[in-house]
């Protein structure tokens, strides 16, 4: 799904379809399935919007209880972002519904 969203940018202006919250949800869902941590900077890149916009969305999604912040145990300067359990379940249910 992420790949399909990026392919649109070959044919239409990227800002025409900006949806950073959804892009972040997709990125974090895929990362959780792959058991990979996602840093704040990586999530900003995945959002495909300016960093300030992405950081605002991360705060909004964290405040809404969809994302959780986790300190990197190996580097106190880095923060990882992950899907909250409820958001992960919601994404699972969404993809299951698409298959029906």
Protein backbone atom coordinates (compact mmCIF):
# COMPACT_ATOMS: atom_id res chain seq x y z
CA UNK A 1 0.00 0.00 0.00
CA UNK A 2 2.86 2.37 0.79
CA UNK A 3 4.46 1.57 -2.55
CA UNK A 4 1.20 2.29 -4.38
CA UNK A 5 0.85 5.63 -2.64
CA UNK A 6 4.38 6.63 -3.71
CA UNK A 7 3.72 5.53 -7.29
CA UNK A 8 0.99 8.16 -7.58
CA UNK A 9 3.70 10.79 -7.30
CA UNK A 10 4.96 9.75 -10.74
CA UNK A 11 1.69 10.90 -12.26
CA UNK A 12 0.29 13.58 -9.95
CA UNK A 13 1.75 16.25 -7.66
CA UNK A 14 2.64 14.66 -4.30
CA UNK A 15 0.98 17.44 -2.28
CA UNK A 16 -2.31 16.69 -4.01
CA UNK A 17 -2.66 13.50 -1.94
CA UNK A 18 -0.84 14.41 1.27
CA UNK A 19 -2.10 12.19 4.06
CA UNK A 20 0.74 12.03 6.59
CA UNK A 21 -1.30 10.42 9.37
CA UNK A 22 -2.25 7.47 7.16
CA UNK A 23 1.29 7.13 5.78
CA UNK A 24 2.61 7.01 9.35
CA UNK A 25 0.04 4.42 10.39
CA UNK A 26 0.99 2.24 7.42
CA UNK A 27 4.71 2.61 8.09
CA UNK A 28 4.39 1.78 11.79
CA UNK A 29 2.08 -1.16 11.07
CA UNK A 30 4.56 -2.65 8.60
CA UNK A 31 7.43 -2.05 11.02
CA UNK A 32 5.61 -3.82 13.83
CA UNK A 33 4.88 -6.80 11.59
CA UNK A 34 8.61 -6.90 10.74
CA UNK A 35 9.58 -6.31 14.39
CA UNK A 36 11.60 -3.25 13.40
CA UNK A 37 11.89 -0.10 15.52
CA UNK A 38 11.05 3.22 13.85
CA UNK A 39 12.87 6.36 14.89
CA UNK A 40 11.20 9.76 14.84
CA UNK A 41 13.38 10.85 11.93
CA UNK A 42 12.51 7.72 9.93
CA UNK A 43 8.79 8.26 10.56
CA UNK A 44 9.11 11.87 9.40
CA UNK A 45 10.61 10.64 6.14
CA UNK A 46 7.84 8.05 5.74
CA UNK A 47 5.21 10.78 6.09
CA UNK A 48 6.49 12.44 2.88
CA UNK A 49 5.76 15.92 4.19
CA UNK A 50 8.02 18.62 5.68
CA UNK A 51 9.56 17.57 9.01
CA UNK A 52 7.66 20.21 10.98
CA UNK A 53 4.36 18.88 9.62
CA UNK A 54 5.36 15.30 10.36
CA UNK A 55 6.39 16.20 13.92
CA UNK A 56 3.03 17.90 14.48
CA UNK A 57 1.25 14.76 13.28
CA UNK A 58 3.39 12.55 15.52
CA UNK A 59 2.40 14.69 18.50
CA UNK A 60 -1.27 14.63 17.48
CA UNK A 61 -1.29 10.86 17.02
CA UNK A 62 0.59 10.33 20.30
CA UNK A 63 -1.82 12.62 22.17
CA UNK A 64 -4.72 10.64 20.65
CA UNK A 65 -3.26 7.40 22.01
CA UNK A 66 -2.50 5.91 18.59
CA UNK A 67 1.30 6.16 18.84
CA UNK A 68 3.60 5.50 21.77
CA UNK A 69 7.04 6.97 22.30
CA UNK A 70 9.80 4.63 23.46
CA UNK A 71 13.34 5.60 24.42
CA UNK A 72 16.12 3.78 22.58
CA UNK A 73 17.78 1.66 25.27
CA UNK A 74 21.13 1.97 23.45
CA UNK A 75 21.06 5.70 22.70
CA UNK A 76 19.34 8.08 25.10
CA UNK A 77 19.16 10.76 22.41
CA UNK A 78 16.93 8.72 20.12
CA UNK A 79 13.21 8.09 20.46
CA UNK A 80 11.31 5.33 18.73
CA UNK A 81 7.65 5.63 17.76
CA UNK A 82 5.39 2.58 17.70
CA UNK A 83 1.72 1.85 17.22
CA UNK A 84 -0.26 1.58 20.41
CA UNK A 85 -1.85 -1.84 20.81
CA UNK A 86 -5.32 -0.48 20.03
CA UNK A 87 -4.10 1.18 16.84
CA UNK A 88 -2.38 -2.04 15.77
CA UNK A 89 -5.62 -3.97 16.34
CA UNK A 90 -7.50 -1.34 14.36
CA UNK A 91 -5.11 -1.71 11.43
CA UNK A 92 -5.38 -5.50 11.60
CA UNK A 93 -9.18 -5.27 11.55
CA UNK A 94 -9.07 -2.78 8.68
CA UNK A 95 -6.92 -5.06 6.51
CA UNK A 96 -9.06 -8.08 7.38
CA UNK A 97 -12.17 -6.16 6.31
CA UNK A 98 -10.51 -5.32 2.98
CA UNK A 99 -10.03 -9.03 2.32
CA UNK A 100 -13.73 -9.83 2.81
